[in-house]
């Protein structure tokens, strides 16, 4: 018996609940790119890495708002039901999770773009710079 099968997989019903729930919290680079390419995204994309990194290269259409600077007054221009999608450097960085936590604490809908800049580039998508 391998380490893979030593603990049995969940039954299909439990697996369905688990994996469907994940989509409530995360989206991926491809879906974000597709929505942005359509010209009318139904979310606000936040680059939460910091202004210096944002200036060097960011997802086109993203706003610069470092996770440490997320406060209610900076979100005041957006309706309360605005969905924010956050990203950071990539899977090795927890900045997006920190930003998502902060937005949720402020009562704002939020999803994390898995992969961050690393995932964006892995998909072959271009960055914008200032």
N, C-alpha and C. Protein backbone atom coordinates (compact mmCIF):
# COMPACT_ATOMS: atom_id res chain seq x y z
N UNK A 1 0.85 -1.18 0.00
CA UNK A 1 0.00 0.00 0.00
C UNK A 1 0.90 1.25 0.00
N UNK A 2 0.59 2.20 -0.85
CA UNK A 2 1.38 3.44 -0.94
C UNK A 2 0.86 4.48 0.04
N UNK A 3 1.61 5.54 0.20
CA UNK A 3 1.15 6.66 1.02
C UNK A 3 -0.09 7.32 0.40
N UNK A 4 -0.24 7.18 -0.90
CA UNK A 4 -1.40 7.75 -1.59
C UNK A 4 -2.68 7.04 -1.15
N UNK A 5 -2.64 5.73 -1.05
CA UNK A 5 -3.85 4.96 -0.75
C UNK A 5 -3.97 4.57 0.72
N UNK A 6 -2.97 4.87 1.54
CA UNK A 6 -3.02 4.49 2.96
C UNK A 6 -4.22 5.11 3.67
N UNK A 7 -4.57 6.32 3.27
CA UNK A 7 -5.80 6.95 3.76
C UNK A 7 -6.78 6.94 2.61
N UNK A 8 -7.91 6.30 2.77
CA UNK A 8 -8.86 6.18 1.67
C UNK A 8 -9.37 7.55 1.20
N UNK A 9 -9.64 7.65 -0.07
CA UNK A 9 -10.24 8.87 -0.63
C UNK A 9 -11.64 9.05 -0.07
N UNK A 10 -12.07 10.30 0.00
CA UNK A 10 -13.43 10.60 0.44
C UNK A 10 -14.42 10.03 -0.57
N UNK A 11 -15.63 9.77 -0.10
CA UNK A 11 -16.64 9.32 -1.04
C UNK A 11 -16.99 10.46 -1.99
N UNK A 12 -17.60 10.15 -3.10
CA UNK A 12 -17.86 11.14 -4.15
C UNK A 12 -18.70 12.31 -3.67
N UNK A 13 -19.69 12.06 -2.84
CA UNK A 13 -20.55 13.15 -2.35
C UNK A 13 -19.74 14.13 -1.50
N UNK A 14 -18.88 13.62 -0.62
CA UNK A 14 -18.06 14.49 0.22
C UNK A 14 -17.04 15.23 -0.64
N UNK A 15 -16.46 14.56 -1.62
CA UNK A 15 -15.49 15.19 -2.51
C UNK A 15 -16.16 16.33 -3.30
N UNK A 16 -17.37 16.11 -3.77
CA UNK A 16 -18.09 17.13 -4.51
C UNK A 16 -18.31 18.37 -3.65
N UNK A 17 -18.75 18.20 -2.43
CA UNK A 17 -18.96 19.32 -1.52
C UNK A 17 -17.65 20.08 -1.31
N UNK A 18 -16.59 19.35 -1.06
CA UNK A 18 -15.29 19.96 -0.81
C UNK A 18 -14.80 20.78 -2.00
N UNK A 19 -14.78 20.17 -3.17
CA UNK A 19 -14.22 20.85 -4.34
C UNK A 19 -15.11 21.97 -4.84
N UNK A 20 -16.42 21.82 -4.76
CA UNK A 20 -17.30 22.92 -5.14
C UNK A 20 -17.13 24.10 -4.20
N UNK A 21 -16.94 23.85 -2.92
CA UNK A 21 -16.75 24.93 -1.95
C UNK A 21 -15.50 25.75 -2.28
N UNK A 22 -14.47 25.10 -2.77
CA UNK A 22 -13.24 25.81 -3.09
C UNK A 22 -13.43 26.92 -4.10
N UNK A 23 -14.35 26.76 -5.02
CA UNK A 23 -14.59 27.78 -6.04
C UNK A 23 -15.24 29.04 -5.47
N UNK A 24 -15.76 28.96 -4.26
CA UNK A 24 -16.32 30.14 -3.60
C UNK A 24 -15.22 31.05 -3.07
N UNK A 25 -14.02 30.51 -2.93
CA UNK A 25 -12.90 31.24 -2.32
C UNK A 25 -11.78 31.57 -3.29
N UNK A 26 -11.70 30.84 -4.40
CA UNK A 26 -10.59 30.99 -5.32
C UNK A 26 -11.06 31.01 -6.77
N UNK A 27 -10.24 31.64 -7.59
CA UNK A 27 -10.39 31.59 -9.03
C UNK A 27 -8.99 31.41 -9.60
N UNK A 28 -8.88 31.19 -10.88
CA UNK A 28 -7.53 30.99 -11.42
C UNK A 28 -7.18 32.07 -12.44
N UNK A 29 -5.94 32.07 -12.83
CA UNK A 29 -5.42 33.09 -13.75
C UNK A 29 -6.16 33.07 -15.09
N UNK A 30 -6.46 31.89 -15.58
CA UNK A 30 -7.14 31.79 -16.87
C UNK A 30 -8.51 32.46 -16.84
N UNK A 31 -9.27 32.20 -15.78
CA UNK A 31 -10.61 32.78 -15.67
C UNK A 31 -10.54 34.30 -15.49
N UNK A 32 -9.56 34.78 -14.74
CA UNK A 32 -9.38 36.22 -14.58
C UNK A 32 -9.00 36.84 -15.93
N UNK A 33 -8.06 36.23 -16.64
CA UNK A 33 -7.66 36.74 -17.95
C UNK A 33 -8.85 36.79 -18.90
N UNK A 34 -9.63 35.74 -18.92
CA UNK A 34 -10.81 35.67 -19.79
C UNK A 34 -11.79 36.79 -19.48
N UNK A 35 -12.04 37.04 -18.20
CA UNK A 35 -12.97 38.10 -17.80
C UNK A 35 -12.43 39.48 -18.17
N UNK A 36 -11.14 39.68 -17.94
CA UNK A 36 -10.54 40.98 -18.29
C UNK A 36 -10.54 41.20 -19.79
N UNK A 37 -10.27 40.15 -20.56
CA UNK A 37 -10.24 40.26 -22.02
C UNK A 37 -11.61 40.62 -22.58
N UNK A 38 -12.66 40.24 -21.86
CA UNK A 38 -14.02 40.57 -22.28
C UNK A 38 -14.34 42.04 -22.12
N UNK A 39 -13.51 42.77 -21.39
CA UNK A 39 -13.67 44.21 -21.27
C UNK A 39 -14.63 44.69 -20.21
N UNK A 40 -15.39 43.81 -19.60
CA UNK A 40 -16.36 44.22 -18.60
C UNK A 40 -16.28 43.29 -17.39
N UNK A 41 -15.14 43.27 -16.70
CA UNK A 41 -15.04 42.36 -15.55
C UNK A 41 -16.06 42.72 -14.46
N UNK A 42 -16.58 41.71 -13.82
CA UNK A 42 -17.57 41.92 -12.76
C UNK A 42 -16.92 41.80 -11.38
N UNK A 43 -15.67 42.25 -11.30
CA UNK A 43 -14.90 42.23 -10.06
C UNK A 43 -13.81 43.30 -10.18
N UNK A 44 -13.20 43.60 -9.05
CA UNK A 44 -12.05 44.51 -9.01
C UNK A 44 -10.84 43.66 -8.66
N UNK A 45 -9.82 43.72 -9.49
CA UNK A 45 -8.61 42.95 -9.30
C UNK A 45 -7.59 43.79 -8.53
N UNK A 46 -7.10 43.26 -7.42
CA UNK A 46 -6.12 43.97 -6.60
C UNK A 46 -4.79 43.24 -6.59
N UNK A 47 -3.75 43.96 -6.94
CA UNK A 47 -2.38 43.50 -6.78
C UNK A 47 -1.97 43.94 -5.38
N UNK A 48 -1.71 43.01 -4.50
CA UNK A 48 -1.48 43.33 -3.09
C UNK A 48 -0.01 43.22 -2.69
N UNK A 49 0.90 43.23 -3.67
CA UNK A 49 2.32 43.03 -3.40
C UNK A 49 3.04 44.29 -2.92
N UNK A 50 2.59 45.45 -3.28
CA UNK A 50 3.27 46.70 -2.95
C UNK A 50 3.57 47.48 -4.21
N UNK A 51 3.66 48.78 -4.08
CA UNK A 51 3.78 49.68 -5.22
C UNK A 51 5.02 49.42 -6.07
N UNK A 52 6.14 49.15 -5.46
CA UNK A 52 7.38 48.92 -6.22
C UNK A 52 7.24 47.70 -7.14
N UNK A 53 6.71 46.62 -6.61
CA UNK A 53 6.53 45.41 -7.42
C UNK A 53 5.43 45.61 -8.45
N UNK A 54 4.36 46.31 -8.07
CA UNK A 54 3.28 46.63 -9.00
C UNK A 54 3.84 47.40 -10.20
N UNK A 55 4.67 48.42 -9.93
CA UNK A 55 5.23 49.25 -11.00
C UNK A 55 6.11 48.44 -11.95
N UNK A 56 6.82 47.46 -11.41
CA UNK A 56 7.72 46.63 -12.23
C UNK A 56 6.95 45.69 -13.16
N UNK A 57 5.76 45.30 -12.79
CA UNK A 57 4.95 44.42 -13.63
C UNK A 57 3.76 43.90 -12.87
N UNK A 58 2.56 44.08 -13.44
CA UNK A 58 1.32 43.64 -12.80
C UNK A 58 0.34 43.15 -13.85
N UNK A 59 -0.69 42.47 -13.40
CA UNK A 59 -1.74 42.02 -14.30
C UNK A 59 -2.44 43.26 -14.86
N UNK A 60 -2.57 43.37 -16.17
CA UNK A 60 -3.26 44.53 -16.75
C UNK A 60 -4.67 44.67 -16.18
N UNK A 61 -5.00 45.85 -15.74
CA UNK A 61 -6.32 46.11 -15.16
C UNK A 61 -6.35 46.03 -13.65
N UNK A 62 -5.28 45.53 -13.04
CA UNK A 62 -5.23 45.42 -11.58
C UNK A 62 -4.96 46.78 -10.96
N UNK A 63 -5.50 46.97 -9.77
CA UNK A 63 -5.22 48.16 -8.98
C UNK A 63 -4.13 47.82 -7.96
N UNK A 64 -3.34 48.80 -7.62
CA UNK A 64 -2.26 48.64 -6.65
C UNK A 64 -2.80 48.95 -5.24
N UNK A 65 -2.88 47.93 -4.40
CA UNK A 65 -3.28 48.14 -3.00
C UNK A 65 -2.64 47.04 -2.16
N UNK A 66 -1.51 47.37 -1.56
CA UNK A 66 -0.79 46.39 -0.74
C UNK A 66 -1.68 45.88 0.38
N UNK A 67 -1.52 44.60 0.70
CA UNK A 67 -2.41 44.00 1.71
C UNK A 67 -2.34 44.74 3.04
N UNK A 68 -1.21 45.31 3.38
CA UNK A 68 -1.07 46.05 4.64
C UNK A 68 -1.83 47.38 4.63
N UNK A 69 -2.22 47.83 3.44
CA UNK A 69 -2.89 49.13 3.31
C UNK A 69 -4.39 49.00 3.05
N UNK A 70 -4.92 47.81 3.14
CA UNK A 70 -6.35 47.61 2.90
C UNK A 70 -7.11 48.07 4.14
N UNK A 71 -7.81 49.19 3.99
CA UNK A 71 -8.65 49.74 5.05
C UNK A 71 -9.97 50.19 4.42
N UNK A 72 -10.96 50.33 5.24
CA UNK A 72 -12.29 50.68 4.76
C UNK A 72 -12.33 51.93 3.91
N UNK A 73 -11.61 52.97 4.30
CA UNK A 73 -11.66 54.23 3.55
C UNK A 73 -11.11 54.09 2.14
N UNK A 74 -10.18 53.18 1.93
CA UNK A 74 -9.62 52.98 0.58
C UNK A 74 -10.60 52.21 -0.32
N UNK A 75 -11.61 51.59 0.28
CA UNK A 75 -12.59 50.83 -0.48
C UNK A 75 -13.90 51.59 -0.65
N UNK A 76 -13.98 52.77 -0.06
CA UNK A 76 -15.24 53.52 0.00
C UNK A 76 -15.84 53.81 -1.37
N UNK A 77 -15.01 53.93 -2.40
CA UNK A 77 -15.52 54.26 -3.74
C UNK A 77 -16.24 53.08 -4.41
N UNK A 78 -16.10 51.89 -3.84
CA UNK A 78 -16.70 50.70 -4.42
C UNK A 78 -17.97 50.31 -3.67
N UNK A 79 -19.03 49.94 -4.40
CA UNK A 79 -20.25 49.48 -3.73
C UNK A 79 -19.94 48.30 -2.79
N UNK A 80 -20.73 48.17 -1.76
CA UNK A 80 -20.49 47.16 -0.72
C UNK A 80 -20.47 45.73 -1.27
N UNK A 81 -21.17 45.48 -2.37
CA UNK A 81 -21.24 44.12 -2.91
C UNK A 81 -20.18 43.86 -3.99
N UNK A 82 -19.22 44.78 -4.16
CA UNK A 82 -18.15 44.59 -5.14
C UNK A 82 -17.30 43.39 -4.77
N UNK A 83 -17.11 42.51 -5.72
CA UNK A 83 -16.23 41.36 -5.51
C UNK A 83 -14.80 41.79 -5.79
N UNK A 84 -13.91 41.55 -4.83
CA UNK A 84 -12.49 41.82 -5.02
C UNK A 84 -11.78 40.49 -5.26
N UNK A 85 -10.90 40.47 -6.26
CA UNK A 85 -10.04 39.33 -6.53
C UNK A 85 -8.63 39.80 -6.24
N UNK A 86 -7.93 39.07 -5.39
CA UNK A 86 -6.60 39.48 -4.95
C UNK A 86 -5.54 38.51 -5.43
N UNK A 87 -4.35 39.05 -5.68
CA UNK A 87 -3.21 38.18 -6.00
C UNK A 87 -1.94 38.79 -5.45
N UNK A 88 -0.94 37.93 -5.29
CA UNK A 88 0.39 38.37 -4.85
C UNK A 88 1.42 37.74 -5.78
N UNK A 89 2.60 37.45 -5.26
CA UNK A 89 3.69 36.95 -6.10
C UNK A 89 3.43 35.55 -6.64
N UNK A 90 2.87 34.69 -5.84
CA UNK A 90 2.64 33.32 -6.28
C UNK A 90 2.40 32.38 -5.13
N UNK A 91 2.48 31.09 -5.39
CA UNK A 91 2.14 30.10 -4.38
C UNK A 91 3.04 30.12 -3.15
N UNK A 92 4.21 30.73 -3.27
CA UNK A 92 5.14 30.81 -2.15
C UNK A 92 4.86 32.02 -1.26
N UNK A 93 3.86 32.81 -1.58
CA UNK A 93 3.57 34.07 -0.90
C UNK A 93 2.18 33.99 -0.27
N UNK A 94 2.04 34.50 0.96
CA UNK A 94 0.72 34.49 1.59
C UNK A 94 0.07 35.87 1.61
N UNK A 95 0.63 36.82 0.85
CA UNK A 95 0.07 38.16 0.81
C UNK A 95 -1.37 38.19 0.33
N UNK A 96 -1.70 37.38 -0.66
CA UNK A 96 -3.07 37.35 -1.16
C UNK A 96 -4.02 36.81 -0.10
N UNK A 97 -3.59 35.80 0.64
CA UNK A 97 -4.43 35.26 1.72
C UNK A 97 -4.63 36.31 2.81
N UNK A 98 -3.57 37.06 3.11
CA UNK A 98 -3.70 38.14 4.11
C UNK A 98 -4.66 39.22 3.62
N UNK A 99 -4.57 39.56 2.34
CA UNK A 99 -5.48 40.55 1.77
C UNK A 99 -6.92 40.04 1.79
N UNK A 100 -7.11 38.78 1.43
CA UNK A 100 -8.45 38.20 1.44
C UNK A 100 -9.03 38.21 2.85
N UNK A 101 -8.20 37.87 3.82
CA UNK A 101 -8.64 37.90 5.22
C UNK A 101 -9.08 39.32 5.61
N UNK A 102 -8.28 40.29 5.25
CA UNK A 102 -8.59 41.68 5.61
C UNK A 102 -9.88 42.15 4.94
N UNK A 103 -10.04 41.85 3.66
CA UNK A 103 -11.27 42.23 2.96
C UNK A 103 -12.49 41.56 3.59
N UNK A 104 -12.36 40.30 3.94
CA UNK A 104 -13.47 39.59 4.60
C UNK A 104 -13.77 40.23 5.95
N UNK A 105 -12.75 40.63 6.70
CA UNK A 105 -12.97 41.30 7.97
C UNK A 105 -13.72 42.61 7.78
N UNK A 106 -13.52 43.25 6.64
CA UNK A 106 -14.21 44.50 6.33
C UNK A 106 -15.58 44.26 5.71
N UNK A 107 -15.99 43.01 5.63
CA UNK A 107 -17.31 42.68 5.11
C UNK A 107 -17.41 42.69 3.60
N UNK A 108 -16.27 42.57 2.92
CA UNK A 108 -16.26 42.63 1.46
C UNK A 108 -16.14 41.24 0.86
N UNK A 109 -16.89 40.98 -0.22
CA UNK A 109 -16.74 39.71 -0.94
C UNK A 109 -15.34 39.62 -1.56
N UNK A 110 -14.73 38.45 -1.49
CA UNK A 110 -13.36 38.32 -1.96
C UNK A 110 -13.07 36.92 -2.45
N UNK A 111 -12.24 36.84 -3.47
CA UNK A 111 -11.68 35.58 -3.96
C UNK A 111 -10.19 35.79 -4.17
N UNK A 112 -9.45 34.73 -4.07
CA UNK A 112 -8.01 34.74 -4.28
C UNK A 112 -7.71 34.17 -5.67
N UNK A 113 -6.86 34.85 -6.43
CA UNK A 113 -6.43 34.32 -7.72
C UNK A 113 -5.23 33.41 -7.46
N UNK A 114 -5.46 32.11 -7.56
CA UNK A 114 -4.40 31.16 -7.28
C UNK A 114 -3.26 31.31 -8.29
N UNK A 115 -2.06 31.13 -7.81
CA UNK A 115 -0.89 31.22 -8.67
C UNK A 115 -0.24 32.58 -8.69
N UNK A 116 -1.03 33.65 -8.47
CA UNK A 116 -0.50 35.00 -8.47
C UNK A 116 0.23 35.33 -9.76
N UNK A 117 1.22 36.21 -9.66
CA UNK A 117 2.02 36.61 -10.83
C UNK A 117 2.70 35.40 -11.45
N UNK A 118 3.19 34.50 -10.62
CA UNK A 118 3.85 33.29 -11.13
C UNK A 118 2.91 32.50 -12.02
N UNK A 119 1.70 32.28 -11.56
CA UNK A 119 0.70 31.55 -12.35
C UNK A 119 0.33 32.29 -13.61
N UNK A 120 0.20 33.61 -13.51
CA UNK A 120 -0.14 34.45 -14.66
C UNK A 120 0.91 34.27 -15.76
N UNK A 121 2.17 34.37 -15.38
CA UNK A 121 3.25 34.22 -16.34
C UNK A 121 3.34 32.78 -16.87
N UNK A 122 3.10 31.80 -16.00
CA UNK A 122 3.10 30.40 -16.43
C UNK A 122 2.05 30.14 -17.51
N UNK A 123 0.96 30.87 -17.47
CA UNK A 123 -0.09 30.72 -18.49
C UNK A 123 0.29 31.42 -19.80
N UNK A 124 1.37 32.19 -19.78
CA UNK A 124 1.81 32.89 -20.98
C UNK A 124 1.20 34.27 -21.14
N UNK A 125 0.58 34.78 -20.09
CA UNK A 125 -0.05 36.10 -20.15
C UNK A 125 0.97 37.20 -19.88
N UNK A 126 0.76 38.33 -20.51
CA UNK A 126 1.68 39.47 -20.36
C UNK A 126 1.37 40.28 -19.12
N UNK A 127 2.39 40.99 -18.65
CA UNK A 127 2.23 41.94 -17.56
C UNK A 127 2.24 43.35 -18.11
N UNK A 128 1.64 44.26 -17.37
CA UNK A 128 1.73 45.68 -17.67
C UNK A 128 2.70 46.28 -16.67
N UNK A 129 3.27 47.43 -17.01
CA UNK A 129 4.14 48.13 -16.07
C UNK A 129 3.87 49.62 -16.17
N UNK A 130 4.35 50.33 -15.17
CA UNK A 130 4.13 51.79 -15.15
C UNK A 130 5.34 52.46 -15.78
